[in-house]
N, C-alpha and C. Protein backbone atom coordinates (compact mmCIF):
# COMPACT_ATOMS: atom_id res chain seq x y z
N MET A 1 7.22 33.30 -4.35
CA MET A 1 7.38 31.92 -4.75
C MET A 1 6.76 31.02 -3.67
N ARG A 2 6.19 29.93 -4.10
CA ARG A 2 5.55 29.00 -3.18
C ARG A 2 6.56 28.21 -2.36
N GLU A 3 6.06 27.55 -1.32
CA GLU A 3 6.90 26.70 -0.48
C GLU A 3 6.95 25.30 -1.04
N ALA A 4 7.98 24.56 -0.66
CA ALA A 4 8.12 23.17 -1.08
C ALA A 4 6.99 22.32 -0.49
N VAL A 5 6.69 21.23 -1.18
CA VAL A 5 5.66 20.29 -0.74
C VAL A 5 6.33 18.94 -0.55
N SER A 6 6.11 18.30 0.60
CA SER A 6 6.68 16.97 0.88
C SER A 6 5.58 15.96 1.03
N LEU A 7 5.82 14.76 0.53
CA LEU A 7 4.91 13.63 0.68
C LEU A 7 5.71 12.47 1.25
N LEU A 8 5.14 11.79 2.23
CA LEU A 8 5.84 10.68 2.88
C LEU A 8 5.16 9.37 2.54
N GLY A 9 5.97 8.33 2.34
CA GLY A 9 5.47 6.98 2.16
C GLY A 9 5.74 6.21 3.43
N THR A 10 4.68 5.63 4.01
CA THR A 10 4.83 4.90 5.27
C THR A 10 4.14 3.55 5.17
N THR A 11 4.54 2.65 6.05
CA THR A 11 3.87 1.37 6.17
C THR A 11 2.63 1.53 7.05
N ALA A 12 1.86 0.47 7.22
CA ALA A 12 0.68 0.50 8.09
C ALA A 12 1.05 0.79 9.54
N THR A 13 2.31 0.53 9.90
CA THR A 13 2.77 0.81 11.27
C THR A 13 3.54 2.12 11.34
N ASP A 14 3.37 2.97 10.35
CA ASP A 14 3.98 4.30 10.28
C ASP A 14 5.50 4.29 10.15
N GLU A 15 6.06 3.21 9.63
CA GLU A 15 7.49 3.19 9.34
C GLU A 15 7.74 3.95 8.04
N LEU A 16 8.63 4.92 8.08
CA LEU A 16 8.93 5.72 6.90
C LEU A 16 9.70 4.88 5.88
N VAL A 17 9.16 4.77 4.66
CA VAL A 17 9.80 3.96 3.62
C VAL A 17 10.20 4.78 2.40
N GLY A 18 9.66 5.99 2.29
CA GLY A 18 9.99 6.83 1.15
C GLY A 18 9.56 8.27 1.37
N HIS A 19 10.12 9.13 0.56
CA HIS A 19 9.84 10.56 0.66
C HIS A 19 9.97 11.17 -0.72
N THR A 20 9.07 12.07 -1.04
CA THR A 20 9.19 12.84 -2.26
C THR A 20 8.90 14.30 -1.94
N ALA A 21 9.53 15.18 -2.68
CA ALA A 21 9.31 16.61 -2.47
C ALA A 21 9.22 17.31 -3.83
N LEU A 22 8.39 18.31 -3.86
CA LEU A 22 8.31 19.23 -4.99
C LEU A 22 8.82 20.58 -4.49
N VAL A 23 9.87 21.07 -5.13
CA VAL A 23 10.50 22.31 -4.70
C VAL A 23 10.39 23.33 -5.84
N PRO A 24 9.78 24.50 -5.58
CA PRO A 24 9.67 25.49 -6.65
C PRO A 24 11.05 26.05 -7.00
N VAL A 25 11.36 26.09 -8.30
CA VAL A 25 12.65 26.63 -8.73
C VAL A 25 12.49 27.93 -9.52
N GLN A 26 11.34 28.10 -10.15
CA GLN A 26 10.99 29.35 -10.81
C GLN A 26 9.51 29.28 -11.15
N ALA A 27 8.93 30.35 -11.62
CA ALA A 27 7.49 30.37 -11.89
C ALA A 27 7.10 29.22 -12.81
N GLY A 28 6.17 28.39 -12.34
CA GLY A 28 5.66 27.28 -13.14
C GLY A 28 6.55 26.06 -13.19
N CYS A 29 7.73 26.12 -12.61
CA CYS A 29 8.69 25.01 -12.68
C CYS A 29 9.03 24.52 -11.28
N TRP A 30 8.91 23.21 -11.09
CA TRP A 30 9.19 22.58 -9.80
C TRP A 30 10.21 21.48 -9.98
N GLU A 31 11.05 21.28 -8.98
CA GLU A 31 12.00 20.17 -8.99
C GLU A 31 11.43 19.03 -8.17
N LEU A 32 11.53 17.82 -8.71
CA LEU A 32 11.04 16.62 -8.02
C LEU A 32 12.21 15.86 -7.43
N LEU A 33 12.08 15.52 -6.16
CA LEU A 33 13.07 14.71 -5.45
C LEU A 33 12.35 13.47 -4.94
N VAL A 34 12.96 12.29 -5.12
CA VAL A 34 12.35 11.05 -4.67
C VAL A 34 13.41 10.20 -3.99
N VAL A 35 13.07 9.68 -2.81
CA VAL A 35 13.97 8.79 -2.07
C VAL A 35 13.14 7.63 -1.53
N VAL A 36 13.64 6.39 -1.73
CA VAL A 36 12.98 5.21 -1.19
C VAL A 36 14.03 4.41 -0.43
N ARG A 37 13.68 4.00 0.78
CA ARG A 37 14.59 3.17 1.58
C ARG A 37 15.00 1.94 0.78
N ARG A 38 16.28 1.63 0.84
CA ARG A 38 16.83 0.52 0.05
C ARG A 38 16.04 -0.77 0.25
N SER A 39 15.69 -1.10 1.47
CA SER A 39 14.99 -2.36 1.74
C SER A 39 13.55 -2.37 1.19
N TYR A 40 13.05 -1.22 0.71
CA TYR A 40 11.70 -1.14 0.15
C TYR A 40 11.71 -0.79 -1.34
N GLN A 41 12.87 -0.80 -1.97
CA GLN A 41 12.96 -0.48 -3.39
C GLN A 41 12.47 -1.66 -4.23
N ASN A 42 12.04 -1.34 -5.43
CA ASN A 42 11.61 -2.33 -6.44
C ASN A 42 10.30 -3.04 -6.08
N VAL A 43 9.46 -2.37 -5.30
CA VAL A 43 8.14 -2.94 -5.00
C VAL A 43 7.02 -1.95 -5.33
N GLY A 44 7.34 -0.86 -6.04
CA GLY A 44 6.32 0.09 -6.48
C GLY A 44 6.16 1.33 -5.64
N ILE A 45 6.92 1.45 -4.57
CA ILE A 45 6.79 2.63 -3.71
C ILE A 45 7.24 3.89 -4.45
N GLY A 46 8.36 3.82 -5.15
CA GLY A 46 8.83 4.97 -5.91
C GLY A 46 7.82 5.41 -6.95
N SER A 47 7.23 4.45 -7.66
CA SER A 47 6.21 4.77 -8.67
C SER A 47 5.01 5.47 -8.03
N GLU A 48 4.58 4.98 -6.90
CA GLU A 48 3.44 5.59 -6.23
C GLU A 48 3.78 6.99 -5.73
N LEU A 49 4.99 7.18 -5.22
CA LEU A 49 5.40 8.52 -4.79
C LEU A 49 5.44 9.49 -5.97
N VAL A 50 5.96 9.04 -7.10
CA VAL A 50 5.99 9.90 -8.30
C VAL A 50 4.57 10.22 -8.74
N ARG A 51 3.69 9.21 -8.77
CA ARG A 51 2.31 9.44 -9.19
C ARG A 51 1.64 10.49 -8.29
N CYS A 52 1.81 10.35 -6.98
CA CYS A 52 1.22 11.30 -6.04
C CYS A 52 1.81 12.70 -6.21
N ALA A 53 3.11 12.77 -6.44
CA ALA A 53 3.76 14.07 -6.63
C ALA A 53 3.26 14.75 -7.90
N LEU A 54 3.08 13.98 -8.97
CA LEU A 54 2.58 14.57 -10.21
C LEU A 54 1.13 15.04 -10.05
N GLU A 55 0.35 14.29 -9.31
CA GLU A 55 -1.02 14.72 -9.03
C GLU A 55 -1.00 16.04 -8.25
N GLN A 56 -0.12 16.12 -7.26
CA GLN A 56 0.01 17.35 -6.49
C GLN A 56 0.51 18.50 -7.36
N SER A 57 1.42 18.22 -8.28
CA SER A 57 1.97 19.27 -9.15
C SER A 57 0.87 19.88 -10.02
N ARG A 58 -0.08 19.07 -10.45
CA ARG A 58 -1.21 19.60 -11.23
C ARG A 58 -2.03 20.57 -10.38
N ARG A 59 -2.25 20.20 -9.12
CA ARG A 59 -2.99 21.09 -8.22
C ARG A 59 -2.26 22.42 -8.01
N LEU A 60 -0.93 22.35 -8.04
CA LEU A 60 -0.11 23.55 -7.85
C LEU A 60 0.01 24.39 -9.12
N GLY A 61 -0.48 23.87 -10.23
CA GLY A 61 -0.40 24.60 -11.50
C GLY A 61 0.96 24.53 -12.15
N ALA A 62 1.72 23.49 -11.84
CA ALA A 62 3.06 23.35 -12.43
C ALA A 62 2.95 23.16 -13.94
N GLN A 63 3.83 23.82 -14.66
CA GLN A 63 3.91 23.66 -16.10
C GLN A 63 5.05 22.74 -16.50
N ARG A 64 6.02 22.61 -15.60
CA ARG A 64 7.19 21.79 -15.90
C ARG A 64 7.74 21.24 -14.59
N ILE A 65 8.13 19.96 -14.63
CA ILE A 65 8.76 19.29 -13.50
C ILE A 65 10.14 18.84 -13.97
N VAL A 66 11.17 19.14 -13.19
CA VAL A 66 12.53 18.71 -13.53
C VAL A 66 13.06 17.84 -12.40
N LEU A 67 14.01 16.97 -12.74
CA LEU A 67 14.64 16.13 -11.73
C LEU A 67 16.03 15.75 -12.21
N SER A 68 16.85 15.34 -11.27
CA SER A 68 18.18 14.80 -11.58
C SER A 68 18.20 13.36 -11.11
N VAL A 69 18.84 12.52 -11.91
CA VAL A 69 18.94 11.11 -11.56
C VAL A 69 20.32 10.62 -11.98
N GLU A 70 20.91 9.78 -11.15
CA GLU A 70 22.22 9.25 -11.49
C GLU A 70 22.11 8.37 -12.72
N ALA A 71 23.06 8.49 -13.62
CA ALA A 71 23.05 7.73 -14.86
C ALA A 71 22.99 6.23 -14.61
N THR A 72 23.60 5.78 -13.52
CA THR A 72 23.64 4.35 -13.23
C THR A 72 22.35 3.83 -12.59
N ASN A 73 21.43 4.72 -12.23
CA ASN A 73 20.18 4.31 -11.58
C ASN A 73 19.13 4.00 -12.66
N VAL A 74 19.33 2.90 -13.34
CA VAL A 74 18.50 2.52 -14.49
C VAL A 74 17.05 2.31 -14.08
N ARG A 75 16.81 1.71 -12.93
CA ARG A 75 15.43 1.46 -12.50
C ARG A 75 14.66 2.76 -12.26
N ALA A 76 15.29 3.71 -11.61
CA ALA A 76 14.62 5.00 -11.38
C ALA A 76 14.37 5.71 -12.70
N ARG A 77 15.35 5.66 -13.60
CA ARG A 77 15.16 6.30 -14.91
C ARG A 77 13.96 5.68 -15.64
N HIS A 78 13.81 4.37 -15.54
CA HIS A 78 12.69 3.69 -16.18
C HIS A 78 11.36 4.17 -15.59
N VAL A 79 11.31 4.32 -14.27
CA VAL A 79 10.09 4.82 -13.62
C VAL A 79 9.75 6.20 -14.16
N TYR A 80 10.74 7.08 -14.19
CA TYR A 80 10.49 8.45 -14.65
C TYR A 80 10.05 8.46 -16.11
N GLU A 81 10.65 7.64 -16.95
CA GLU A 81 10.26 7.55 -18.36
C GLU A 81 8.79 7.12 -18.48
N ARG A 82 8.39 6.15 -17.66
CA ARG A 82 6.99 5.68 -17.69
C ARG A 82 6.01 6.79 -17.35
N PHE A 83 6.44 7.74 -16.55
CA PHE A 83 5.58 8.86 -16.16
C PHE A 83 5.73 10.06 -17.09
N GLY A 84 6.38 9.89 -18.22
CA GLY A 84 6.43 10.95 -19.22
C GLY A 84 7.62 11.88 -19.14
N PHE A 85 8.59 11.59 -18.29
CA PHE A 85 9.79 12.42 -18.23
C PHE A 85 10.68 12.11 -19.42
N GLU A 86 11.31 13.14 -19.94
CA GLU A 86 12.22 13.01 -21.07
C GLU A 86 13.58 13.56 -20.66
N TYR A 87 14.62 13.11 -21.34
CA TYR A 87 15.97 13.55 -21.02
C TYR A 87 16.21 14.96 -21.55
N ALA A 88 16.65 15.84 -20.66
CA ALA A 88 17.05 17.19 -21.05
C ALA A 88 18.57 17.24 -21.22
N SER A 89 19.26 16.36 -20.52
CA SER A 89 20.72 16.23 -20.68
C SER A 89 21.09 14.79 -20.39
N ARG A 90 22.13 14.32 -21.05
CA ARG A 90 22.60 12.95 -20.85
C ARG A 90 24.10 12.97 -20.60
N CYS A 91 24.44 12.78 -19.37
CA CYS A 91 25.85 12.66 -18.98
C CYS A 91 26.00 11.26 -18.44
N TRP A 92 26.38 10.33 -19.29
CA TRP A 92 26.35 8.91 -18.96
C TRP A 92 27.29 8.54 -17.81
N ASN A 93 28.18 9.44 -17.41
CA ASN A 93 29.10 9.11 -16.31
C ASN A 93 28.72 9.77 -15.00
N ARG A 94 27.57 10.49 -14.96
CA ARG A 94 27.13 11.11 -13.71
C ARG A 94 25.63 11.37 -13.75
N GLU A 95 25.16 12.49 -13.24
CA GLU A 95 23.72 12.77 -13.18
C GLU A 95 23.16 13.19 -14.53
N MET A 96 21.91 12.83 -14.72
CA MET A 96 21.17 13.22 -15.92
C MET A 96 19.99 14.09 -15.47
N THR A 97 19.61 15.02 -16.30
CA THR A 97 18.45 15.85 -16.02
C THR A 97 17.30 15.37 -16.88
N MET A 98 16.13 15.23 -16.24
CA MET A 98 14.93 14.83 -16.96
C MET A 98 13.86 15.88 -16.71
N VAL A 99 12.95 16.02 -17.66
CA VAL A 99 11.90 17.04 -17.55
C VAL A 99 10.57 16.47 -18.03
N ARG A 100 9.51 16.93 -17.42
CA ARG A 100 8.15 16.59 -17.85
C ARG A 100 7.40 17.90 -17.98
N ARG A 101 6.98 18.19 -19.17
CA ARG A 101 6.24 19.42 -19.43
C ARG A 101 4.76 19.10 -19.28
N THR A 102 4.19 19.49 -18.17
CA THR A 102 2.83 19.10 -17.85
C THR A 102 1.82 19.77 -18.76
N ALA A 103 2.06 20.99 -19.17
CA ALA A 103 1.12 21.69 -20.04
C ALA A 103 0.99 20.96 -21.37
N ARG A 104 2.10 20.55 -21.95
CA ARG A 104 2.07 19.86 -23.24
C ARG A 104 1.36 18.52 -23.11
N LEU A 105 1.66 17.76 -22.05
CA LEU A 105 1.04 16.46 -21.86
C LEU A 105 -0.46 16.61 -21.66
N GLY A 106 -0.87 17.65 -20.95
CA GLY A 106 -2.29 17.88 -20.74
C GLY A 106 -3.00 18.18 -22.04
N ILE A 107 -2.39 18.94 -22.92
CA ILE A 107 -2.98 19.26 -24.20
C ILE A 107 -3.12 18.01 -25.04
N GLU A 108 -2.11 17.13 -25.04
CA GLU A 108 -2.19 15.90 -25.81
C GLU A 108 -3.35 15.04 -25.33
N LYS A 109 -3.58 14.97 -24.04
CA LYS A 109 -4.68 14.17 -23.51
C LYS A 109 -6.03 14.74 -23.94
N LEU A 110 -6.12 16.08 -24.06
CA LEU A 110 -7.37 16.72 -24.39
C LEU A 110 -7.65 16.77 -25.89
N ARG A 111 -6.67 16.55 -26.74
CA ARG A 111 -6.84 16.71 -28.17
C ARG A 111 -8.07 15.99 -28.72
N GLY A 112 -8.33 14.79 -28.27
CA GLY A 112 -9.46 14.04 -28.78
C GLY A 112 -10.80 14.56 -28.28
N HIS A 113 -10.79 15.41 -27.27
CA HIS A 113 -12.03 15.86 -26.66
C HIS A 113 -12.34 17.34 -26.87
N VAL A 114 -11.36 18.12 -27.20
CA VAL A 114 -11.55 19.56 -27.32
C VAL A 114 -10.96 20.03 -28.64
N SER A 115 -11.72 20.81 -29.36
CA SER A 115 -11.16 21.36 -30.59
C SER A 115 -10.68 22.78 -30.31
N ALA A 116 -9.48 23.08 -30.77
CA ALA A 116 -8.90 24.40 -30.54
C ALA A 116 -9.37 25.35 -31.63
N GLY A 117 -9.65 26.56 -31.23
CA GLY A 117 -10.06 27.59 -32.20
C GLY A 117 -8.84 28.21 -32.86
N PRO A 118 -9.07 29.03 -33.89
CA PRO A 118 -7.93 29.65 -34.61
C PRO A 118 -7.16 30.63 -33.75
């Protein structure tokens, strides 16, 4: 199994403002973790960290990305939804699991450009 991958978000003065990690959980499946310093939230850092992590996941050949998010963290859930994550479980009083199936999304993007054979 591969090793985890970490990406750091920093300011121009190298102040750490966010962190994301991709952790392999099984073949083709990685868990995404995202943390943004409270004083830097709601300015797009989380979105950029997710975008970079998804780009890295494609390089790693990930077929599925999973994450857990607190049900009350509506802003984070909105970010994940914008990036194609869907709910795998909904526990409105605690953590929710979301998943993004990269293979399926890639096929949808290619449909207009590639015809599949029988």
